[in-house]
Amino acid sequence: MKKSGSKILAKSKMFRLFFIFLFLLGAVLTGCQKSQKPLLSKEQKRELANVFYNQQLYPQAIHEYEDYLQNYQLDGNESANISYMIANIYFDRLHDYENALAYYLKIKYLYPESNLQTEVGKKIVACLERMKRSTDAQQVIEQTAALDESQKKESKPGEVIAEIGERKITTGDLQYEINQLPVYVRDQIKTPQQRLEFLKNYIAQELLYDSAKRKGLDKDKEVRAGVAQAERSLMAQKLLQEEIEKEANLQNYTNADVELYFKANKEKYAEKDKNGKIKKAPSFEEVKDRVAKDFIQEKQQAAYQALVERLMKAEQVRIYENKFK
């Protein structure tokens, strides 16, 4: 019995020694692995991640960027930038808002000196919105002032009729927005109910705009192209308005000029039967408002044609009309 017990004890010691050996061997191997240099240079590793991204291999790109973060010597600024790239892949390409949020939060709290903090704040709000956590998103907006303060609109004088978070919308704001509409649209917003509906639509547009800006759509290529085109159009319209008003303003003409136009176009204002025969020819006084409107429109059209012809001549424009036959 004693010999049997001794054998068992000896085997037990051998097993313990064997496991200690395996543990030490594992530690040594792990240490060796950690001391090994990455197979790729820093530049090669990042270029590989970029290649995967450009080929729309987004999970593979994330893997390479994460490996780049973990196994290469990076300063805080570069670490923040790489983390931001990973977060944006999750957000924009994979629509994985939970992982995107995790990386944006990592940047926010680990790299507080990063110049990405403003954009990261907006992205955090956007992630929360897409995760249906609107209350949390609003808290982030209020607590961290993630949105650029310079973008906040100042309220115009008037009674407060609505609020978007901390921003107040007044009767002055509402009237200002209505005044920006074309006259024919503005004339359709007269009753209190119509003004209320316009206000609701205006608020909806503001919310959509804020959400789109947080998503970064202000940097989207198509949006930028549209903004540039809209700017060109507005500038052209402004020039046209100024030039035409100089040449075709009713204040530049006398009542006699308008009456002369009436006499040259009397048939245009005559009342006719179904066969086109004149039944009644009105006097100038009866139709002078209509005549004045037609008169100035004709002058505006003539001013427009003169302006375009002058510009085309100055810029030596050539149109090859035979190409359209």
Protein backbone atom coordinates (compact mmCIF):
# COMPACT_ATOMS: atom_id res chain seq x y z
CA MET A 1 0.00 0.00 0.00
CA LYS A 2 2.87 2.37 0.81
CA LYS A 3 4.54 1.67 -2.52
CA SER A 4 1.27 2.26 -4.35
CA GLY A 5 0.76 5.56 -2.54
CA SER A 6 4.29 6.65 -3.35
CA LYS A 7 3.76 5.91 -7.03
CA ILE A 8 0.56 7.95 -7.08
CA LEU A 9 2.33 10.84 -5.36
CA ALA A 10 5.20 10.67 -7.83
CA LYS A 11 2.83 10.69 -10.81
CA SER A 12 1.00 13.64 -9.34
CA LYS A 13 4.26 15.58 -9.06
CA MET A 14 5.13 14.68 -12.64
CA PHE A 15 1.79 15.97 -13.92
CA ARG A 16 2.26 19.22 -12.02
CA LEU A 17 5.74 19.64 -13.40
CA PHE A 18 4.43 18.87 -16.90
CA PHE A 19 1.69 21.50 -16.69
CA ILE A 20 4.17 24.05 -15.28
CA PHE A 21 6.42 23.28 -18.25
CA LEU A 22 3.56 23.77 -20.70
CA PHE A 23 2.63 27.05 -19.04
CA LEU A 24 6.19 28.34 -19.19
CA LEU A 25 6.53 27.17 -22.78
CA GLY A 26 3.33 29.00 -23.71
CA ALA A 27 4.54 32.15 -22.00
CA VAL A 28 7.85 31.98 -23.84
CA LEU A 29 6.16 31.40 -27.18
CA THR A 30 3.75 34.25 -26.53
CA GLY A 31 6.63 36.52 -25.63
CA CYS A 32 8.42 35.56 -28.81
CA GLN A 33 5.33 36.25 -30.85
CA LYS A 34 4.94 39.67 -29.26
CA SER A 35 8.51 40.54 -29.94
CA GLN A 36 8.19 39.65 -33.59
CA LYS A 37 7.97 42.61 -35.96
CA PRO A 38 4.93 42.92 -38.26
CA LEU A 39 5.46 41.31 -41.64
CA LEU A 40 4.41 44.50 -43.46
CA SER A 41 5.81 47.97 -43.04
CA LYS A 42 3.62 50.67 -41.61
CA GLU A 43 3.09 52.20 -45.06
CA GLN A 44 2.32 48.84 -46.67
CA LYS A 45 -0.20 47.95 -43.97
CA ARG A 46 -2.12 51.17 -44.36
CA GLU A 47 -2.00 50.94 -48.14
CA LEU A 48 -3.43 47.42 -47.98
CA ALA A 49 -6.31 48.65 -45.84
CA ASN A 50 -6.93 51.46 -48.33
CA VAL A 51 -6.94 48.99 -51.22
CA PHE A 52 -9.55 46.83 -49.50
CA TYR A 53 -11.67 49.92 -48.85
CA ASN A 54 -11.43 51.13 -52.44
CA GLN A 55 -12.45 47.68 -53.65
CA GLN A 56 -15.51 47.85 -51.35
CA LEU A 57 -14.21 45.02 -49.18
CA TYR A 58 -15.31 46.86 -46.08
CA PRO A 59 -15.06 44.13 -43.38
CA GLN A 60 -11.56 43.26 -44.64
CA ALA A 61 -10.61 46.95 -44.62
CA ILE A 62 -11.80 47.27 -41.01
CA HIS A 63 -9.73 44.23 -40.03
CA GLU A 64 -6.58 45.74 -41.55
CA TYR A 65 -7.19 49.16 -40.01
CA GLU A 66 -7.74 47.58 -36.59
CA ASP A 67 -4.55 45.54 -36.95
CA TYR A 68 -2.78 48.75 -37.95
CA LEU A 69 -4.06 50.42 -34.77
CA GLN A 70 -3.03 47.57 -32.49
CA ASN A 71 0.36 46.53 -33.84
CA TYR A 72 2.02 49.70 -35.14
CA GLN A 73 3.44 52.72 -33.35
CA LEU A 74 1.00 55.60 -33.91
CA ASP A 75 0.65 58.98 -32.26
CA GLY A 76 -2.67 60.11 -30.82
CA ASN A 77 -3.65 62.13 -33.86
CA GLU A 78 -3.14 59.24 -36.29
CA SER A 79 -4.88 56.80 -33.95
CA ALA A 80 -7.87 59.12 -33.84
CA ASN A 81 -7.89 59.43 -37.64
CA ILE A 82 -7.75 55.66 -38.19
CA SER A 83 -10.48 55.10 -35.60
CA TYR A 84 -12.57 57.72 -37.42
CA MET A 85 -12.09 55.90 -40.73
CA ILE A 86 -13.23 52.62 -39.13
CA ALA A 87 -16.25 54.34 -37.56
CA ASN A 88 -17.22 55.89 -40.89
CA ILE A 89 -17.02 52.52 -42.65
CA TYR A 90 -19.40 51.06 -40.09
CA PHE A 91 -21.69 54.10 -40.39
CA ASP A 92 -21.69 54.92 -44.11
CA ARG A 93 -20.93 51.59 -45.75
CA LEU A 94 -22.14 48.82 -43.45
CA HIS A 95 -24.89 50.77 -41.66
CA ASP A 96 -23.74 49.13 -38.44
CA TYR A 97 -24.54 52.02 -36.12
CA GLU A 98 -23.69 50.24 -32.87
CA ASN A 99 -20.08 49.54 -33.87
CA ALA A 100 -19.84 52.99 -35.45
CA LEU A 101 -21.02 54.55 -32.19
CA ALA A 102 -18.43 52.55 -30.23
CA TYR A 103 -15.59 53.92 -32.35
CA TYR A 104 -16.91 57.49 -32.30
CA LEU A 105 -17.12 57.29 -28.49
CA LYS A 106 -13.59 55.88 -28.40
CA ILE A 107 -12.33 58.95 -30.26
CA LYS A 108 -14.38 61.29 -28.04
CA TYR A 109 -12.97 59.97 -24.78
CA LEU A 110 -9.50 58.64 -25.69
CA TYR A 111 -8.41 61.47 -27.98
CA PRO A 112 -10.00 64.64 -26.53
CA GLU A 113 -7.38 66.85 -28.23
CA SER A 114 -8.26 65.58 -31.71
CA ASN A 115 -9.54 68.16 -34.18
CA LEU A 116 -12.21 65.60 -35.11
CA GLN A 117 -14.19 66.22 -31.93
CA THR A 118 -16.82 68.47 -33.53
CA GLU A 119 -17.51 66.01 -36.35
CA VAL A 120 -17.46 63.08 -33.93
CA GLY A 121 -20.10 64.79 -31.81
CA LYS A 122 -22.38 65.10 -34.82
CA LYS A 123 -21.80 61.47 -35.77
CA ILE A 124 -22.63 60.28 -32.26
CA VAL A 125 -25.97 62.07 -32.52
CA ALA A 126 -26.57 60.59 -35.98
CA CYS A 127 -25.85 57.06 -34.69
CA LEU A 128 -28.25 57.48 -31.79
CA GLU A 129 -30.94 58.76 -34.13
CA ARG A 130 -30.57 55.76 -36.42
CA MET A 131 -30.70 53.44 -33.40
CA LYS A 132 -34.09 55.05 -32.53
CA ARG A 133 -32.58 56.68 -29.44
CA SER A 134 -33.78 60.20 -30.19
CA THR A 135 -33.96 61.21 -26.52
CA ASP A 136 -30.32 60.26 -26.01
CA ALA A 137 -29.43 62.10 -29.22
CA GLN A 138 -31.10 65.27 -27.95
CA GLN A 139 -29.24 64.98 -24.64
CA VAL A 140 -25.93 64.72 -26.49
CA ILE A 141 -26.79 67.82 -28.52
CA GLU A 142 -27.61 69.78 -25.37
CA GLN A 143 -24.73 68.51 -23.22
CA THR A 144 -21.85 68.64 -25.68
CA ALA A 145 -23.08 71.35 -28.11
CA ALA A 146 -22.07 69.00 -30.92
CA LEU A 147 -23.48 71.27 -33.59
CA ASP A 148 -21.48 74.27 -34.70
CA GLU A 149 -22.69 77.30 -32.73
CA SER A 150 -22.21 79.52 -35.77
CA GLN A 151 -24.95 77.57 -37.57
CA LYS A 152 -27.60 78.46 -35.03
CA LYS A 153 -30.11 80.96 -36.36
CA GLU A 154 -31.05 84.06 -34.42
CA SER A 155 -34.76 84.51 -33.96
CA LYS A 156 -36.40 87.55 -35.48
CA PRO A 157 -38.68 89.73 -33.32
CA GLY A 158 -42.15 88.42 -32.66
CA GLU A 159 -44.22 86.05 -30.56
CA VAL A 160 -42.76 82.55 -30.10
CA ILE A 161 -44.96 80.12 -32.02
CA ALA A 162 -42.78 76.98 -31.96
CA GLU A 163 -39.53 75.57 -30.56
CA ILE A 164 -36.93 73.14 -31.92
CA GLY A 165 -34.99 72.09 -28.83
CA GLU A 166 -33.59 75.34 -27.48
CA ARG A 167 -34.22 77.27 -30.69
CA LYS A 168 -37.31 79.48 -30.74
CA ILE A 169 -39.32 80.21 -33.88
CA THR A 170 -41.20 83.51 -33.84
CA THR A 171 -43.89 85.09 -35.96
CA GLY A 172 -41.07 87.19 -37.42
CA ASP A 173 -39.20 84.04 -38.48
CA LEU A 174 -42.34 82.64 -40.06
CA GLN A 175 -43.09 85.81 -42.00
CA TYR A 176 -39.49 86.05 -43.17
CA GLU A 177 -39.63 82.51 -44.61
CA ILE A 178 -42.97 83.21 -46.29
CA ASN A 179 -41.52 86.38 -47.84
CA GLN A 180 -38.79 84.33 -49.50
CA LEU A 181 -41.37 82.47 -51.57
CA PRO A 182 -42.38 83.45 -55.11
CA VAL A 183 -45.31 85.87 -55.14
CA TYR A 184 -47.76 83.36 -56.61
CA VAL A 185 -46.97 80.89 -53.80
CA ARG A 186 -46.96 83.57 -51.11
CA ASP A 187 -50.46 84.65 -52.15
CA GLN A 188 -51.74 81.17 -51.32
CA ILE A 189 -50.70 81.44 -47.64
CA LYS A 190 -53.27 83.79 -46.20
CA THR A 191 -55.40 82.03 -43.59
CA PRO A 192 -54.19 81.00 -40.10
CA GLN A 193 -54.54 77.33 -41.07
CA GLN A 194 -52.42 77.82 -44.19
CA ARG A 195 -49.74 79.58 -42.13
CA LEU A 196 -49.82 76.73 -39.60
CA GLU A 197 -49.32 74.14 -42.36
CA PHE A 198 -46.43 76.17 -43.77
CA LEU A 199 -44.86 76.32 -40.29
CA LYS A 200 -45.10 72.52 -39.91
CA ASN A 201 -43.49 71.99 -43.31
CA TYR A 202 -40.77 74.49 -42.46
CA ILE A 203 -39.98 72.70 -39.18
CA ALA A 204 -39.88 69.34 -40.99
CA GLN A 205 -37.36 70.77 -43.47
CA GLU A 206 -35.22 72.15 -40.64
CA LEU A 207 -35.17 68.78 -38.86
CA LEU A 208 -34.27 66.96 -42.07
CA TYR A 209 -31.54 69.48 -42.79
CA ASP A 210 -30.03 69.14 -39.31
CA SER A 211 -30.12 65.34 -39.55
CA ALA A 212 -28.54 65.38 -43.02
CA LYS A 213 -25.79 67.72 -41.83
CA ARG A 214 -25.00 65.46 -38.88
CA LYS A 215 -24.76 62.57 -41.31
CA GLY A 216 -22.20 64.54 -43.28
CA LEU A 217 -24.29 64.98 -46.41
CA ASP A 218 -23.06 68.55 -46.71
CA LYS A 219 -19.83 66.96 -47.98
CA ASP A 220 -21.58 64.60 -50.42
CA LYS A 221 -20.40 65.09 -54.02
CA GLU A 222 -23.91 65.29 -55.46
CA VAL A 223 -24.99 67.77 -52.79
CA ARG A 224 -21.94 69.96 -53.38
CA ALA A 225 -22.61 69.90 -57.12
CA GLY A 226 -26.24 70.86 -56.52
CA VAL A 227 -25.22 73.70 -54.21
CA ALA A 228 -22.77 75.00 -56.80
CA GLN A 229 -25.45 74.85 -59.49
CA ALA A 230 -27.98 76.59 -57.25
CA GLU A 231 -25.42 79.30 -56.47
CA ARG A 232 -24.79 79.86 -60.17
CA SER A 233 -28.52 80.08 -60.83
CA LEU A 234 -29.14 82.52 -57.96
CA MET A 235 -26.26 84.75 -59.02
CA ALA A 236 -27.50 84.79 -62.63
CA GLN A 237 -31.03 85.61 -61.47
CA LYS A 238 -29.73 88.40 -59.24
CA LEU A 239 -27.76 89.94 -62.11
CA LEU A 240 -30.74 89.61 -64.42
CA GLN A 241 -33.02 91.24 -61.88
CA GLU A 242 -30.68 94.18 -61.38
CA GLU A 243 -30.07 94.71 -65.10
CA ILE A 244 -33.73 94.43 -66.07
CA GLU A 245 -34.90 96.74 -63.29
CA LYS A 246 -32.56 99.42 -64.60
CA GLU A 247 -33.96 99.14 -68.11
CA ALA A 248 -37.55 98.08 -67.49
CA ASN A 249 -38.88 99.80 -64.41
CA LEU A 250 -42.32 101.41 -64.69
CA GLN A 251 -40.96 104.46 -62.85
CA ASN A 252 -38.74 105.13 -65.87
CA TYR A 253 -41.79 105.71 -68.06
CA THR A 254 -44.64 108.19 -68.09
CA ASN A 255 -48.35 107.61 -68.39
CA ALA A 256 -48.05 108.85 -71.97
CA ASP A 257 -45.62 106.00 -72.79
CA VAL A 258 -48.11 103.44 -71.52
CA GLU A 259 -50.98 105.08 -73.36
CA LEU A 260 -48.97 105.09 -76.57
CA TYR A 261 -48.43 101.34 -76.11
CA PHE A 262 -52.19 100.95 -75.64
CA LYS A 263 -52.94 102.78 -78.89
CA ALA A 264 -50.51 100.54 -80.78
CA ASN A 265 -52.16 97.41 -79.36
CA LYS A 266 -55.84 98.39 -79.05
CA GLU A 267 -57.10 95.19 -80.63
CA LYS A 268 -55.35 93.17 -77.92
CA TYR A 269 -57.65 94.70 -75.27
CA ALA A 270 -60.88 94.74 -77.27
CA GLU A 271 -63.77 92.46 -76.38
CA LYS A 272 -64.45 90.05 -79.25
CA ASP A 273 -67.20 87.64 -80.22
CA LYS A 274 -66.69 83.96 -80.99
CA ASN A 275 -65.78 84.82 -84.59
CA GLY A 276 -63.05 87.19 -83.50
CA LYS A 277 -64.91 90.37 -84.39
CA ILE A 278 -64.59 93.35 -82.06
CA LYS A 279 -67.71 93.87 -79.95
CA LYS A 280 -66.38 96.58 -77.69
CA ALA A 281 -63.18 98.63 -77.64
CA PRO A 282 -62.45 99.78 -74.05
CA SER A 283 -60.96 103.14 -73.23
CA PHE A 284 -57.42 103.47 -71.91
CA GLU A 285 -58.72 104.34 -68.42
CA GLU A 286 -60.73 101.11 -68.27
CA VAL A 287 -57.74 98.85 -68.87
CA LYS A 288 -54.74 100.98 -67.94
CA ASP A 289 -53.57 98.65 -65.12
CA ARG A 290 -53.55 95.67 -67.47
CA VAL A 291 -51.86 97.75 -70.16
CA ALA A 292 -49.15 98.92 -67.74
CA LYS A 293 -48.45 95.31 -66.75
CA ASP A 294 -48.18 94.17 -70.37
CA PHE A 295 -46.08 97.21 -71.24
CA ILE A 296 -43.49 96.55 -68.54
CA GLN A 297 -43.36 92.80 -69.31
CA GLU A 298 -42.57 93.60 -72.92
CA LYS A 299 -39.86 96.03 -71.82
CA GLN A 300 -38.41 93.37 -69.49
CA GLN A 301 -38.32 90.81 -72.27
CA ALA A 302 -36.60 93.30 -74.56
CA ALA A 303 -34.07 94.14 -71.80
CA TYR A 304 -33.38 90.44 -71.27
CA GLN A 305 -32.76 89.85 -74.98
CA ALA A 306 -30.50 92.90 -75.19
CA LEU A 307 -28.49 91.77 -72.14
CA VAL A 308 -28.00 88.23 -73.46
CA GLU A 309 -27.02 89.46 -76.91
CA ARG A 310 -24.52 91.89 -75.39
CA LEU A 311 -22.94 89.18 -73.24
CA MET A 312 -22.81 86.70 -76.11
CA LYS A 313 -21.08 89.27 -78.30
CA ALA A 314 -18.60 90.20 -75.56
CA GLU A 315 -17.74 86.55 -74.87
CA GLN A 316 -17.61 85.68 -78.60
CA VAL A 317 -20.23 82.94 -78.32
CA ARG A 318 -20.75 80.74 -81.38
CA ILE A 319 -23.68 78.32 -81.64
CA TYR A 320 -23.56 75.76 -84.45
CA GLU A 321 -27.25 75.47 -85.21
CA ASN A 322 -26.64 73.17 -88.18
CA LYS A 323 -25.62 70.47 -85.71
CA PHE A 324 -29.24 70.26 -84.57
CA LYS A 325 -30.80 69.60 -87.98
